[in-house]
């Protein structure tokens, strides 16, 4: 729990130490160990993409500024009670296979109480913005992020999978 709190508070060094502790002490097949390993792998990928080859892993992870671009917006949905913000809703940003600093990178954030989300310090490139890759998503949008841009992408019923799907499954 402390590792997750540290990661949300952007205390990366402490989060890394706590996740390493979880990997060392939790049952290897537990959800806790799996989440810790995934977080550590993602932190290391971001460090490598940041162009710091040769730096010690812990030192490289501290510098997660791999770009000066971002994506932000608000997520709302209608569950029969009218359009409401989705609170603490997880959204994913996956870099598409292309050359450049963003290749193979992925990010995930949760919305705040008003449904706002923000991906910061990402490299420019083409991304897939979605809420899940496991179940049927509400959104699957292709987003082009330019150098230094903080792109506004609100998510709601108007650009949901029912209206727009930038990644249709081939039959």
C-alpha atoms as a PDB file:
ATOM      1  CA  UNK A   1       0.000   0.000   0.000  1.00  0.00           C
ATOM      2  CA  UNK A   2       2.856   2.381   0.808  1.00  0.00           C
ATOM      3  CA  UNK A   3       4.453   1.755  -2.594  1.00  0.00           C
ATOM      4  CA  UNK A   4       1.222   2.653  -4.394  1.00  0.00           C
ATOM      5  CA  UNK A   5       0.778   5.773  -2.257  1.00  0.00           C
ATOM      6  CA  UNK A   6       4.344   6.860  -2.991  1.00  0.00           C
ATOM      7  CA  UNK A   7       3.842   6.329  -6.724  1.00  0.00           C
ATOM      8  CA  UNK A   8       0.641   8.422  -6.702  1.00  0.00           C
ATOM      9  CA  UNK A   9       2.409  11.159  -4.732  1.00  0.00           C
ATOM     10  CA  UNK A  10       5.205  11.069  -7.340  1.00  0.00           C
ATOM     11  CA  UNK A  11       7.807  10.065  -4.738  1.00  0.00           C
ATOM     12  CA  UNK A  12       9.529   7.777  -7.226  1.00  0.00           C
ATOM     13  CA  UNK A  13      12.640   6.824  -5.225  1.00  0.00           C
ATOM     14  CA  UNK A  14      10.612   5.689  -2.226  1.00  0.00           C
ATOM     15  CA  UNK A  15       8.033   3.971  -4.435  1.00  0.00           C
ATOM     16  CA  UNK A  16      10.806   2.030  -6.137  1.00  0.00           C
ATOM     17  CA  UNK A  17      12.222   0.884  -2.790  1.00  0.00           C
ATOM     18  CA  UNK A  18       8.788  -0.177  -1.555  1.00  0.00           C
ATOM     19  CA  UNK A  19       7.931  -2.064  -4.760  1.00  0.00           C
ATOM     20  CA  UNK A  20      11.318  -3.824  -4.600  1.00  0.00           C
ATOM     21  CA  UNK A  21      10.506  -4.846  -1.008  1.00  0.00           C
ATOM     22  CA  UNK A  22       7.158  -6.265  -2.164  1.00  0.00           C
ATOM     23  CA  UNK A  23       8.865  -8.296  -4.912  1.00  0.00           C
ATOM     24  CA  UNK A  24      11.370  -9.642  -2.385  1.00  0.00           C
ATOM     25  CA  UNK A  25       8.813 -10.561   0.284  1.00  0.00           C
ATOM     26  CA  UNK A  26       5.456 -11.334  -1.382  1.00  0.00           C
ATOM     27  CA  UNK A  27       4.496 -14.716  -2.795  1.00  0.00           C
ATOM     28  CA  UNK A  28       5.850 -14.816  -6.352  1.00  0.00           C
ATOM     29  CA  UNK A  29       2.440 -15.515  -7.935  1.00  0.00           C
ATOM     30  CA  UNK A  30       0.487 -13.022  -5.809  1.00  0.00           C
ATOM     31  CA  UNK A  31      -1.283 -10.001  -7.285  1.00  0.00           C
ATOM     32  CA  UNK A  32       0.882  -7.769  -5.094  1.00  0.00           C
ATOM     33  CA  UNK A  33       4.108  -9.174  -6.536  1.00  0.00           C
ATOM     34  CA  UNK A  34       2.745  -8.977 -10.090  1.00  0.00           C
ATOM     35  CA  UNK A  35       1.757  -5.310  -9.695  1.00  0.00           C
ATOM     36  CA  UNK A  36       5.126  -4.492  -8.111  1.00  0.00           C
ATOM     37  CA  UNK A  37       7.038  -6.180 -10.941  1.00  0.00           C
ATOM     38  CA  UNK A  38       4.947  -4.389 -13.587  1.00  0.00           C
ATOM     39  CA  UNK A  39       5.510  -1.007 -11.931  1.00  0.00           C
ATOM     40  CA  UNK A  40       9.279  -1.584 -11.673  1.00  0.00           C
ATOM     41  CA  UNK A  41       9.491  -2.748 -15.308  1.00  0.00           C
ATOM     42  CA  UNK A  42       7.576   0.346 -16.443  1.00  0.00           C
ATOM     43  CA  UNK A  43       9.813   2.635 -14.401  1.00  0.00           C
ATOM     44  CA  UNK A  44      12.909   1.084 -15.954  1.00  0.00           C
ATOM     45  CA  UNK A  45      11.468   1.397 -19.503  1.00  0.00           C
ATOM     46  CA  UNK A  46      10.722   5.078 -18.893  1.00  0.00           C
ATOM     47  CA  UNK A  47      14.267   5.605 -17.627  1.00  0.00           C
ATOM     48  CA  UNK A  48      15.775   3.938 -20.703  1.00  0.00           C
ATOM     49  CA  UNK A  49      13.506   5.940 -23.022  1.00  0.00           C
ATOM     50  CA  UNK A  50      14.701   9.063 -21.244  1.00  0.00           C
ATOM     51  CA  UNK A  51      18.064   8.580 -22.923  1.00  0.00           C
ATOM     52  CA  UNK A  52      20.152   7.801 -19.865  1.00  0.00           C
ATOM     53  CA  UNK A  53      22.048   4.703 -20.930  1.00  0.00           C
ATOM     54  CA  UNK A  54      24.662   3.543 -18.468  1.00  0.00           C
ATOM     55  CA  UNK A  55      23.066   5.263 -15.479  1.00  0.00           C
ATOM     56  CA  UNK A  56      22.371   3.107 -12.460  1.00  0.00           C
ATOM     57  CA  UNK A  57      18.779   1.868 -12.462  1.00  0.00           C
ATOM     58  CA  UNK A  58      17.791   3.741  -9.310  1.00  0.00           C
ATOM     59  CA  UNK A  59      19.438   6.930 -10.507  1.00  0.00           C
ATOM     60  CA  UNK A  60      17.863   6.660 -13.960  1.00  0.00           C
ATOM     61  CA  UNK A  61      14.384   6.059 -12.564  1.00  0.00           C
ATOM     62  CA  UNK A  62      14.538   9.357 -10.671  1.00  0.00           C
ATOM     63  CA  UNK A  63      14.630  11.186 -14.003  1.00  0.00           C
ATOM     64  CA  UNK A  64      11.331  10.183 -15.581  1.00  0.00           C
ATOM     65  CA  UNK A  65      11.100  13.324 -17.663  1.00  0.00           C
ATOM     66  CA  UNK A  66      11.121  11.638 -21.042  1.00  0.00           C
ATOM     67  CA  UNK A  67       9.266  14.345 -22.893  1.00  0.00           C
ATOM     68  CA  UNK A  68       7.717  17.764 -22.645  1.00  0.00           C
ATOM     69  CA  UNK A  69       4.299  16.836 -23.995  1.00  0.00           C
ATOM     70  CA  UNK A  70       1.095  15.669 -22.347  1.00  0.00           C
ATOM     71  CA  UNK A  71      -2.537  14.650 -22.692  1.00  0.00           C
ATOM     72  CA  UNK A  72      -5.262  15.778 -20.328  1.00  0.00           C
ATOM     73  CA  UNK A  73      -9.028  15.955 -20.178  1.00  0.00           C
ATOM     74  CA  UNK A  74     -12.172  15.045 -18.314  1.00  0.00           C
ATOM     75  CA  UNK A  75     -14.010  11.716 -18.410  1.00  0.00           C
ATOM     76  CA  UNK A  76     -17.789  11.589 -18.062  1.00  0.00           C
ATOM     77  CA  UNK A  77     -20.306   8.805 -18.609  1.00  0.00           C
ATOM     78  CA  UNK A  78     -24.058   8.272 -18.479  1.00  0.00           C
ATOM     79  CA  UNK A  79     -25.054   5.275 -16.369  1.00  0.00           C
ATOM     80  CA  UNK A  80     -28.757   6.123 -16.595  1.00  0.00           C
ATOM     81  CA  UNK A  81     -28.579   8.959 -14.069  1.00  0.00           C
ATOM     82  CA  UNK A  82     -27.395  11.605 -16.532  1.00  0.00           C
ATOM     83  CA  UNK A  83     -23.832  12.451 -17.488  1.00  0.00           C
ATOM     84  CA  UNK A  84     -21.569  12.198 -14.418  1.00  0.00           C
ATOM     85  CA  UNK A  85     -17.773  12.416 -14.017  1.00  0.00           C
ATOM     86  CA  UNK A  86     -16.044   9.057 -13.658  1.00  0.00           C
ATOM     87  CA  UNK A  87     -14.172   9.300 -10.353  1.00  0.00           C
ATOM     88  CA  UNK A  88     -10.959   7.335  -9.744  1.00  0.00           C
ATOM     89  CA  UNK A  89     -11.369   5.800 -13.211  1.00  0.00           C
ATOM     90  CA  UNK A  90      -8.251   4.312 -14.786  1.00  0.00           C
ATOM     91  CA  UNK A  91      -7.262   5.330 -18.313  1.00  0.00           C
ATOM     92  CA  UNK A  92      -4.306   4.041 -20.374  1.00  0.00           C
ATOM     93  CA  UNK A  93      -2.062   5.649 -22.981  1.00  0.00           C
ATOM     94  CA  UNK A  94      -0.084   3.253 -25.202  1.00  0.00           C
ATOM     95  CA  UNK A  95       2.586   4.428 -27.622  1.00  0.00           C
ATOM     96  CA  UNK A  96       2.034   2.916 -31.047  1.00  0.00           C
ATOM     97  CA  UNK A  97       4.878   1.107 -32.778  1.00  0.00           C
ATOM     98  CA  UNK A  98       6.801   3.889 -34.390  1.00  0.00           C
ATOM     99  CA  UNK A  99      10.328   5.203 -34.263  1.00  0.00           C
ATOM    100  CA  UNK A 100      11.224   7.651 -31.554  1.00  0.00           C
ATOM    101  CA  UNK A 101      11.404   8.023 -27.802  1.00  0.00           C
ATOM    102  CA  UNK A 102       7.819   6.920 -27.188  1.00  0.00           C
ATOM    103  CA  UNK A 103       8.086   3.504 -28.901  1.00  0.00           C
ATOM    104  CA  UNK A 104       6.785   0.728 -26.654  1.00  0.00           C
ATOM    105  CA  UNK A 105       5.954   3.012 -23.758  1.00  0.00           C
ATOM    106  CA  UNK A 106       2.702   2.962 -21.818  1.00  0.00           C
ATOM    107  CA  UNK A 107       1.190   5.072 -19.086  1.00  0.00           C
ATOM    108  CA  UNK A 108      -1.838   4.822 -16.839  1.00  0.00           C
ATOM    109  CA  UNK A 109      -3.475   7.321 -14.544  1.00  0.00           C
ATOM    110  CA  UNK A 110      -6.685   7.623 -12.547  1.00  0.00           C
ATOM    111  CA  UNK A 111      -9.132  10.464 -12.694  1.00  0.00           C
ATOM    112  CA  UNK A 112      -9.703  12.765  -9.740  1.00  0.00           C
ATOM    113  CA  UNK A 113     -13.050  13.446  -8.057  1.00  0.00           C
ATOM    114  CA  UNK A 114     -14.198  15.622 -10.955  1.00  0.00           C
ATOM    115  CA  UNK A 115     -13.210  13.075 -13.614  1.00  0.00           C
ATOM    116  CA  UNK A 116     -10.046  14.946 -14.684  1.00  0.00           C
ATOM    117  CA  UNK A 117      -6.941  13.061 -15.819  1.00  0.00           C
ATOM    118  CA  UNK A 118      -3.459  14.104 -16.933  1.00  0.00           C
ATOM    119  CA  UNK A 119      -0.560  12.322 -18.607  1.00  0.00           C
ATOM    120  CA  UNK A 120       2.467  14.593 -18.196  1.00  0.00           C
ATOM    121  CA  UNK A 121       6.075  14.530 -19.385  1.00  0.00           C
ATOM    122  CA  UNK A 122       5.495  12.148 -22.265  1.00  0.00           C
ATOM    123  CA  UNK A 123       7.396  12.202 -25.547  1.00  0.00           C
ATOM    124  CA  UNK A 124       5.618  13.330 -28.692  1.00  0.00           C
ATOM    125  CA  UNK A 125       4.176  10.609 -30.870  1.00  0.00           C
ATOM    126  CA  UNK A 126       1.075   8.640 -31.754  1.00  0.00           C
ATOM    127  CA  UNK A 127      -0.786   6.962 -28.926  1.00  0.00           C
ATOM    128  CA  UNK A 128      -3.798   4.757 -28.249  1.00  0.00           C
ATOM    129  CA  UNK A 129      -6.006   6.190 -25.484  1.00  0.00           C
ATOM    130  CA  UNK A 130      -8.278   3.590 -23.888  1.00  0.00           C
ATOM    131  CA  UNK A 131      -9.778   2.538 -20.598  1.00  0.00           C
ATOM    132  CA  UNK A 132      -8.973  -1.174 -20.926  1.00  0.00           C
ATOM    133  CA  UNK A 133      -7.361  -3.749 -23.190  1.00  0.00           C
ATOM    134  CA  UNK A 134      -8.836  -6.701 -21.315  1.00  0.00           C
ATOM    135  CA  UNK A 135     -12.585  -6.149 -21.318  1.00  0.00           C
ATOM    136  CA  UNK A 136     -14.695  -4.241 -23.825  1.00  0.00           C
ATOM    137  CA  UNK A 137     -13.509  -0.636 -23.561  1.00  0.00           C
ATOM    138  CA  UNK A 138     -15.617   2.497 -23.568  1.00  0.00           C
ATOM    139  CA  UNK A 139     -12.974   4.311 -25.693  1.00  0.00           C
ATOM    140  CA  UNK A 140     -10.266   3.394 -28.211  1.00  0.00           C
ATOM    141  CA  UNK A 141      -8.903   6.605 -29.679  1.00  0.00           C
ATOM    142  CA  UNK A 142      -5.803   7.361 -31.709  1.00  0.00           C
ATOM    143  CA  UNK A 143      -4.106  10.511 -30.379  1.00  0.00           C
ATOM    144  CA  UNK A 144      -1.300  12.453 -32.058  1.00  0.00           C
ATOM    145  CA  UNK A 145       0.769  14.407 -29.513  1.00  0.00           C
ATOM    146  CA  UNK A 146       3.136  17.057 -30.833  1.00  0.00           C
ATOM    147  CA  UNK A 147       6.378  18.273 -29.263  1.00  0.00           C
ATOM    148  CA  UNK A 148       5.637  20.551 -26.298  1.00  0.00           C
ATOM    149  CA  UNK A 149       1.868  20.147 -26.681  1.00  0.00           C
ATOM    150  CA  UNK A 150      -0.523  19.371 -23.825  1.00  0.00           C
ATOM    151  CA  UNK A 151      -3.390  17.921 -25.843  1.00  0.00           C
ATOM    152  CA  UNK A 152      -6.935  18.225 -24.503  1.00  0.00           C
ATOM    153  CA  UNK A 153      -8.926  15.004 -25.032  1.00  0.00           C
ATOM    154  CA  UNK A 154     -12.215  14.815 -23.141  1.00  0.00           C
ATOM    155  CA  UNK A 155     -13.829  11.375 -23.041  1.00  0.00           C
ATOM    156  CA  UNK A 156     -17.564  10.816 -22.928  1.00  0.00           C
ATOM    157  CA  UNK A 157     -20.488   9.250 -24.740  1.00  0.00           C
ATOM    158  CA  UNK A 158     -19.857  11.466 -27.803  1.00  0.00           C
ATOM    159  CA  UNK A 159     -16.515   9.835 -28.634  1.00  0.00           C
ATOM    160  CA  UNK A 160     -17.093   6.418 -27.050  1.00  0.00           C
ATOM    161  CA  UNK A 161     -16.637   3.104 -28.833  1.00  0.00           C
ATOM    162  CA  UNK A 162     -20.325   3.247 -29.835  1.00  0.00           C
ATOM    163  CA  UNK A 163     -19.578   6.361 -31.916  1.00  0.00           C
ATOM    164  CA  UNK A 164     -15.872   6.172 -32.759  1.00  0.00           C
ATOM    165  CA  UNK A 165     -13.384   3.300 -32.789  1.00  0.00           C
ATOM    166  CA  UNK A 166      -9.934   4.131 -34.135  1.00  0.00           C
ATOM    167  CA  UNK A 167      -8.808   0.515 -33.657  1.00  0.00           C
ATOM    168  CA  UNK A 168     -11.600  -1.710 -34.964  1.00  0.00           C
ATOM    169  CA  UNK A 169     -11.017  -5.428 -34.674  1.00  0.00           C
ATOM    170  CA  UNK A 170     -10.618  -7.056 -38.051  1.00  0.00           C
ATOM    171  CA  UNK A 171     -13.076  -9.845 -38.738  1.00  0.00           C
END
